[in-house]
């Protein structure tokens, strides 16, 4: 056991220097990982893009728009389950007709098919 401890102590004090090719590869890898020069950001005016900047860019703005359109769609034409739940919670129902029955014939084309 003492021989092994002596061998490890010797190995800790005497180590060969790394080869030139290893040092060159390590330095090349380190240089590849270094950040490039900073690209200055353009200063945009506070015109149309202020909402996009406020929300966090196009992905977030797209999500907000999709949620708003879905809410508009569900509000304009609610499914039966949602309409029943609303009637249960509020106690009354309201029906809104955007195109009355009499005006629907205005959009029909008599020459069509």
N, C-alpha and C. Protein backbone atom coordinates (compact mmCIF):
# COMPACT_ATOMS: atom_id res chain seq x y z
N UNK A 1 0.82 -1.19 0.00
CA UNK A 1 0.00 0.00 0.00
C UNK A 1 0.87 1.26 0.00
N UNK A 2 2.00 1.19 0.68
CA UNK A 2 2.90 2.34 0.72
C UNK A 2 3.48 2.62 -0.66
N UNK A 3 3.71 1.54 -1.44
CA UNK A 3 4.25 1.73 -2.79
C UNK A 3 3.26 2.48 -3.68
N UNK A 4 2.01 2.16 -3.48
CA UNK A 4 0.98 2.83 -4.28
C UNK A 4 0.88 4.31 -3.92
N UNK A 5 0.95 4.63 -2.63
CA UNK A 5 0.92 6.04 -2.20
C UNK A 5 2.12 6.80 -2.74
N UNK A 6 3.26 6.16 -2.75
CA UNK A 6 4.47 6.79 -3.28
C UNK A 6 4.32 7.03 -4.78
N UNK A 7 3.75 6.07 -5.48
CA UNK A 7 3.54 6.21 -6.91
C UNK A 7 2.59 7.37 -7.23
N UNK A 8 1.50 7.49 -6.47
CA UNK A 8 0.57 8.60 -6.68
C UNK A 8 1.20 9.94 -6.33
N UNK A 9 1.99 10.00 -5.28
CA UNK A 9 2.66 11.26 -4.90
C UNK A 9 3.64 11.67 -5.99
N UNK A 10 4.35 10.72 -6.56
CA UNK A 10 5.27 11.02 -7.65
C UNK A 10 4.52 11.50 -8.89
N UNK A 11 3.40 10.87 -9.18
CA UNK A 11 2.61 11.25 -10.35
C UNK A 11 2.04 12.66 -10.20
N UNK A 12 1.70 13.04 -8.97
CA UNK A 12 1.17 14.39 -8.75
C UNK A 12 2.24 15.47 -8.93
N UNK A 13 3.47 15.16 -8.65
CA UNK A 13 4.53 16.16 -8.76
C UNK A 13 5.17 16.18 -10.15
N UNK A 14 5.13 15.08 -10.87
CA UNK A 14 5.75 15.01 -12.18
C UNK A 14 4.68 14.71 -13.23
N UNK A 15 4.41 15.66 -14.07
CA UNK A 15 3.45 15.41 -15.14
C UNK A 15 4.03 15.97 -16.43
N UNK A 16 3.78 15.27 -17.53
CA UNK A 16 4.34 15.74 -18.80
C UNK A 16 3.55 16.95 -19.32
N UNK A 17 4.19 17.88 -19.98
CA UNK A 17 3.47 19.03 -20.56
C UNK A 17 2.61 18.57 -21.74
N UNK A 18 1.51 19.24 -21.98
CA UNK A 18 0.66 18.84 -23.11
C UNK A 18 1.38 19.08 -24.43
N UNK A 19 1.01 18.29 -25.42
CA UNK A 19 1.61 18.43 -26.73
C UNK A 19 1.16 19.70 -27.44
N UNK A 20 1.93 20.11 -28.43
CA UNK A 20 1.60 21.33 -29.17
C UNK A 20 0.28 21.21 -29.93
N UNK A 21 0.00 20.03 -30.46
CA UNK A 21 -1.25 19.86 -31.21
C UNK A 21 -2.46 19.95 -30.29
N UNK A 22 -2.35 19.43 -29.05
CA UNK A 22 -3.46 19.54 -28.10
C UNK A 22 -3.70 21.00 -27.73
N UNK A 23 -2.63 21.74 -27.47
CA UNK A 23 -2.77 23.15 -27.11
C UNK A 23 -3.40 23.93 -28.27
N UNK A 24 -2.98 23.62 -29.50
CA UNK A 24 -3.55 24.32 -30.66
C UNK A 24 -5.04 24.02 -30.81
N UNK A 25 -5.45 22.78 -30.58
CA UNK A 25 -6.88 22.43 -30.69
C UNK A 25 -7.70 23.11 -29.60
N UNK A 26 -7.16 23.13 -28.39
CA UNK A 26 -7.88 23.78 -27.28
C UNK A 26 -8.02 25.27 -27.54
N UNK A 27 -6.98 25.92 -28.01
CA UNK A 27 -7.05 27.36 -28.29
C UNK A 27 -7.99 27.65 -29.46
N UNK A 28 -8.03 26.76 -30.47
CA UNK A 28 -8.96 26.96 -31.59
C UNK A 28 -10.40 26.81 -31.12
N UNK A 29 -10.66 25.84 -30.25
CA UNK A 29 -12.02 25.69 -29.70
C UNK A 29 -12.41 26.89 -28.85
N UNK A 30 -11.46 27.39 -28.07
CA UNK A 30 -11.75 28.56 -27.23
C UNK A 30 -12.02 29.79 -28.08
N UNK A 31 -11.27 29.97 -29.16
CA UNK A 31 -11.49 31.12 -30.04
C UNK A 31 -12.84 31.02 -30.75
N UNK A 32 -13.26 29.80 -31.07
CA UNK A 32 -14.57 29.63 -31.72
C UNK A 32 -15.72 29.95 -30.77
N UNK A 33 -15.52 29.79 -29.47
CA UNK A 33 -16.57 30.03 -28.50
C UNK A 33 -16.66 31.49 -28.06
N UNK A 34 -15.68 32.30 -28.41
CA UNK A 34 -15.68 33.70 -28.01
C UNK A 34 -16.79 34.45 -28.75
N UNK A 35 -17.47 35.35 -28.07
CA UNK A 35 -18.51 36.13 -28.77
C UNK A 35 -17.89 37.06 -29.80
N UNK A 36 -18.65 37.29 -30.85
CA UNK A 36 -18.18 38.19 -31.90
C UNK A 36 -18.31 39.64 -31.49
N UNK A 37 -17.97 40.54 -32.36
CA UNK A 37 -18.10 41.96 -32.02
C UNK A 37 -19.57 42.32 -31.85
N UNK A 38 -19.82 43.19 -30.92
CA UNK A 38 -21.19 43.61 -30.65
C UNK A 38 -21.73 44.41 -31.83
N UNK A 39 -22.92 44.04 -32.27
CA UNK A 39 -23.57 44.76 -33.37
C UNK A 39 -24.50 45.80 -32.74
N UNK A 40 -24.29 47.06 -33.06
CA UNK A 40 -25.16 48.07 -32.44
C UNK A 40 -26.60 47.92 -32.92
N UNK A 41 -27.52 48.06 -32.00
CA UNK A 41 -28.94 47.95 -32.32
C UNK A 41 -29.43 49.26 -32.91
N UNK A 42 -30.29 49.11 -33.89
CA UNK A 42 -30.91 50.31 -34.46
C UNK A 42 -31.93 50.85 -33.48
N UNK A 43 -31.95 52.13 -33.39
CA UNK A 43 -32.97 52.75 -32.54
C UNK A 43 -34.20 52.98 -33.39
N UNK A 44 -35.28 52.31 -33.01
CA UNK A 44 -36.52 52.47 -33.77
C UNK A 44 -37.34 53.58 -33.14
N UNK A 45 -38.11 54.19 -33.97
CA UNK A 45 -39.01 55.21 -33.45
C UNK A 45 -40.16 54.52 -32.73
N UNK A 46 -40.82 55.25 -31.90
CA UNK A 46 -41.93 54.71 -31.14
C UNK A 46 -43.22 54.74 -31.95
N UNK A 47 -43.13 54.37 -33.21
CA UNK A 47 -44.30 54.39 -34.08
C UNK A 47 -45.15 53.15 -33.87
N UNK A 48 -45.30 52.36 -34.94
CA UNK A 48 -46.21 51.23 -34.92
C UNK A 48 -45.67 50.05 -34.12
N UNK A 49 -44.37 49.97 -33.87
CA UNK A 49 -43.79 48.80 -33.21
C UNK A 49 -43.78 48.87 -31.70
N UNK A 50 -44.37 49.88 -31.10
CA UNK A 50 -44.30 50.00 -29.65
C UNK A 50 -45.05 48.89 -28.96
N UNK A 51 -46.18 48.43 -29.53
CA UNK A 51 -46.94 47.35 -28.91
C UNK A 51 -46.17 46.04 -29.03
N UNK A 52 -45.54 45.83 -30.16
CA UNK A 52 -44.73 44.62 -30.36
C UNK A 52 -43.58 44.60 -29.35
N UNK A 53 -42.91 45.72 -29.15
CA UNK A 53 -41.81 45.79 -28.18
C UNK A 53 -42.32 45.60 -26.75
N UNK A 54 -43.48 46.13 -26.46
CA UNK A 54 -44.04 46.03 -25.12
C UNK A 54 -44.39 44.59 -24.77
N UNK A 55 -44.93 43.84 -25.73
CA UNK A 55 -45.37 42.47 -25.45
C UNK A 55 -44.26 41.44 -25.58
N UNK A 56 -43.17 41.76 -26.22
CA UNK A 56 -42.07 40.81 -26.30
C UNK A 56 -41.80 40.26 -27.68
N UNK A 57 -42.22 40.93 -28.71
CA UNK A 57 -41.89 40.50 -30.07
C UNK A 57 -43.07 39.86 -30.78
N UNK A 58 -42.78 39.41 -32.00
CA UNK A 58 -43.83 38.84 -32.84
C UNK A 58 -44.47 37.58 -32.27
N UNK A 59 -43.72 36.64 -31.68
CA UNK A 59 -44.40 35.45 -31.15
C UNK A 59 -45.44 35.78 -30.09
N UNK A 60 -45.11 36.69 -29.18
CA UNK A 60 -46.06 37.06 -28.14
C UNK A 60 -47.24 37.84 -28.72
N UNK A 61 -46.95 38.73 -29.65
CA UNK A 61 -48.02 39.51 -30.26
C UNK A 61 -48.96 38.62 -31.06
N UNK A 62 -48.43 37.61 -31.72
CA UNK A 62 -49.26 36.67 -32.47
C UNK A 62 -50.17 35.90 -31.53
N UNK A 63 -49.65 35.50 -30.37
CA UNK A 63 -50.48 34.80 -29.39
C UNK A 63 -51.60 35.66 -28.86
N UNK A 64 -51.31 36.93 -28.61
CA UNK A 64 -52.34 37.85 -28.11
C UNK A 64 -53.43 38.05 -29.18
N UNK A 65 -53.01 38.20 -30.43
CA UNK A 65 -53.98 38.37 -31.50
C UNK A 65 -54.85 37.13 -31.66
N UNK A 66 -54.23 35.95 -31.62
CA UNK A 66 -54.99 34.70 -31.74
C UNK A 66 -55.99 34.54 -30.59
N UNK A 67 -55.58 34.87 -29.38
CA UNK A 67 -56.48 34.78 -28.24
C UNK A 67 -57.63 35.77 -28.37
N UNK A 68 -57.34 36.97 -28.85
CA UNK A 68 -58.39 37.97 -29.04
C UNK A 68 -59.40 37.54 -30.09
N UNK A 69 -58.90 36.99 -31.21
CA UNK A 69 -59.82 36.53 -32.25
C UNK A 69 -60.65 35.34 -31.78
N UNK A 70 -60.04 34.44 -31.01
CA UNK A 70 -60.80 33.31 -30.47
C UNK A 70 -61.88 33.80 -29.50
N UNK A 71 -61.55 34.78 -28.69
CA UNK A 71 -62.54 35.34 -27.77
C UNK A 71 -63.67 36.03 -28.50
N UNK A 72 -63.33 36.73 -29.58
CA UNK A 72 -64.36 37.37 -30.38
C UNK A 72 -65.27 36.35 -31.03
N UNK A 73 -64.66 35.27 -31.54
CA UNK A 73 -65.44 34.21 -32.19
C UNK A 73 -66.37 33.53 -31.18
N UNK A 74 -65.84 33.18 -30.03
CA UNK A 74 -66.67 32.52 -29.01
C UNK A 74 -67.74 33.47 -28.50
N UNK A 75 -67.44 34.76 -28.41
CA UNK A 75 -68.45 35.72 -27.97
C UNK A 75 -69.54 35.94 -28.99
N UNK A 76 -69.19 35.91 -30.29
CA UNK A 76 -70.19 36.15 -31.33
C UNK A 76 -71.04 34.91 -31.59
N UNK A 77 -70.45 33.74 -31.55
CA UNK A 77 -71.18 32.51 -31.83
C UNK A 77 -70.81 31.46 -30.77
N UNK A 78 -71.32 31.61 -29.56
CA UNK A 78 -70.91 30.70 -28.49
C UNK A 78 -71.46 29.29 -28.72
N UNK A 79 -70.69 28.28 -28.34
CA UNK A 79 -71.21 26.92 -28.39
C UNK A 79 -72.35 26.76 -27.39
N UNK A 80 -73.15 25.73 -27.57
CA UNK A 80 -74.33 25.53 -26.72
C UNK A 80 -73.94 25.39 -25.25
N UNK A 81 -72.84 24.72 -24.97
CA UNK A 81 -72.42 24.55 -23.59
C UNK A 81 -72.05 25.85 -22.93
N UNK A 82 -71.39 26.73 -23.65
CA UNK A 82 -71.00 28.03 -23.10
C UNK A 82 -72.23 28.91 -22.91
N UNK A 83 -73.13 28.87 -23.88
CA UNK A 83 -74.34 29.68 -23.77
C UNK A 83 -75.20 29.21 -22.59
N UNK A 84 -75.30 27.90 -22.41
CA UNK A 84 -76.06 27.37 -21.27
C UNK A 84 -75.41 27.73 -19.95
N UNK A 85 -74.09 27.68 -19.88
CA UNK A 85 -73.38 28.04 -18.65
C UNK A 85 -73.56 29.52 -18.34
N UNK A 86 -73.50 30.36 -19.35
CA UNK A 86 -73.70 31.80 -19.14
C UNK A 86 -75.11 32.08 -18.66
N UNK A 87 -76.09 31.40 -19.23
CA UNK A 87 -77.48 31.60 -18.79
C UNK A 87 -77.65 31.15 -17.35
N UNK A 88 -76.95 30.09 -16.97
CA UNK A 88 -77.05 29.59 -15.61
C UNK A 88 -76.41 30.56 -14.62
N UNK A 89 -75.27 31.14 -14.99
CA UNK A 89 -74.56 32.04 -14.09
C UNK A 89 -75.24 33.40 -13.98
N UNK A 90 -75.69 33.94 -15.11
CA UNK A 90 -76.27 35.28 -15.13
C UNK A 90 -77.77 35.23 -14.82
N UNK A 91 -78.43 34.22 -15.31
CA UNK A 91 -79.85 34.08 -15.06
C UNK A 91 -80.70 34.45 -16.26
N UNK A 92 -80.16 35.18 -17.20
CA UNK A 92 -80.92 35.56 -18.39
C UNK A 92 -80.03 35.36 -19.62
N UNK A 93 -80.66 35.26 -20.76
CA UNK A 93 -79.90 35.15 -22.01
C UNK A 93 -80.27 36.31 -22.91
N UNK A 94 -79.33 36.71 -23.71
CA UNK A 94 -79.54 37.77 -24.68
C UNK A 94 -79.16 37.20 -26.04
N UNK A 95 -79.97 37.43 -27.04
CA UNK A 95 -79.67 36.99 -28.39
C UNK A 95 -79.49 38.21 -29.27
N UNK A 96 -78.40 38.25 -30.00
CA UNK A 96 -78.10 39.34 -30.90
C UNK A 96 -78.08 38.79 -32.31
N UNK A 97 -78.85 39.40 -33.21
CA UNK A 97 -78.87 38.98 -34.60
C UNK A 97 -78.17 40.05 -35.43
N UNK A 98 -77.10 39.66 -36.09
CA UNK A 98 -76.37 40.62 -36.90
C UNK A 98 -77.04 40.83 -38.26
N UNK A 99 -77.61 39.79 -38.82
CA UNK A 99 -78.31 39.86 -40.09
C UNK A 99 -79.74 39.35 -39.88
N UNK A 100 -80.71 40.24 -39.80
CA UNK A 100 -82.09 39.77 -39.63
C UNK A 100 -82.52 38.90 -40.81
N UNK A 101 -83.51 38.09 -40.57
CA UNK A 101 -83.99 37.15 -41.60
C UNK A 101 -84.41 37.86 -42.89
N UNK A 102 -85.00 39.05 -42.81
CA UNK A 102 -85.49 39.73 -44.01
C UNK A 102 -84.36 40.27 -44.89
N UNK A 103 -83.23 40.58 -44.28
CA UNK A 103 -82.13 41.15 -45.06
C UNK A 103 -81.24 40.10 -45.71
N UNK A 104 -81.42 38.85 -45.40
CA UNK A 104 -80.55 37.80 -45.94
C UNK A 104 -80.73 37.68 -47.45
N UNK A 105 -81.92 37.96 -47.95
CA UNK A 105 -82.17 37.83 -49.38
C UNK A 105 -81.42 38.88 -50.19
N UNK A 106 -80.95 39.94 -49.56
CA UNK A 106 -80.20 40.96 -50.28
C UNK A 106 -78.86 40.42 -50.79
N UNK A 107 -78.32 39.41 -50.12
CA UNK A 107 -77.01 38.89 -50.48
C UNK A 107 -77.11 37.71 -51.45
N UNK A 108 -78.28 37.27 -51.75
CA UNK A 108 -78.43 36.12 -52.66
C UNK A 108 -78.32 36.58 -54.09
N UNK A 109 -77.68 35.79 -54.89
CA UNK A 109 -77.53 36.10 -56.32
C UNK A 109 -78.49 35.21 -57.10
N UNK A 110 -79.52 35.77 -57.77
CA UNK A 110 -80.50 34.93 -58.45
C UNK A 110 -79.89 34.20 -59.66
N UNK A 111 -78.78 34.69 -60.20
CA UNK A 111 -78.18 34.03 -61.35
C UNK A 111 -77.23 32.92 -60.94
N UNK A 112 -76.96 32.80 -59.67
CA UNK A 112 -76.02 31.78 -59.20
C UNK A 112 -76.67 30.41 -59.20
N UNK A 113 -76.02 29.47 -59.84
CA UNK A 113 -76.29 28.07 -59.88
C UNK A 113 -77.63 27.57 -59.92
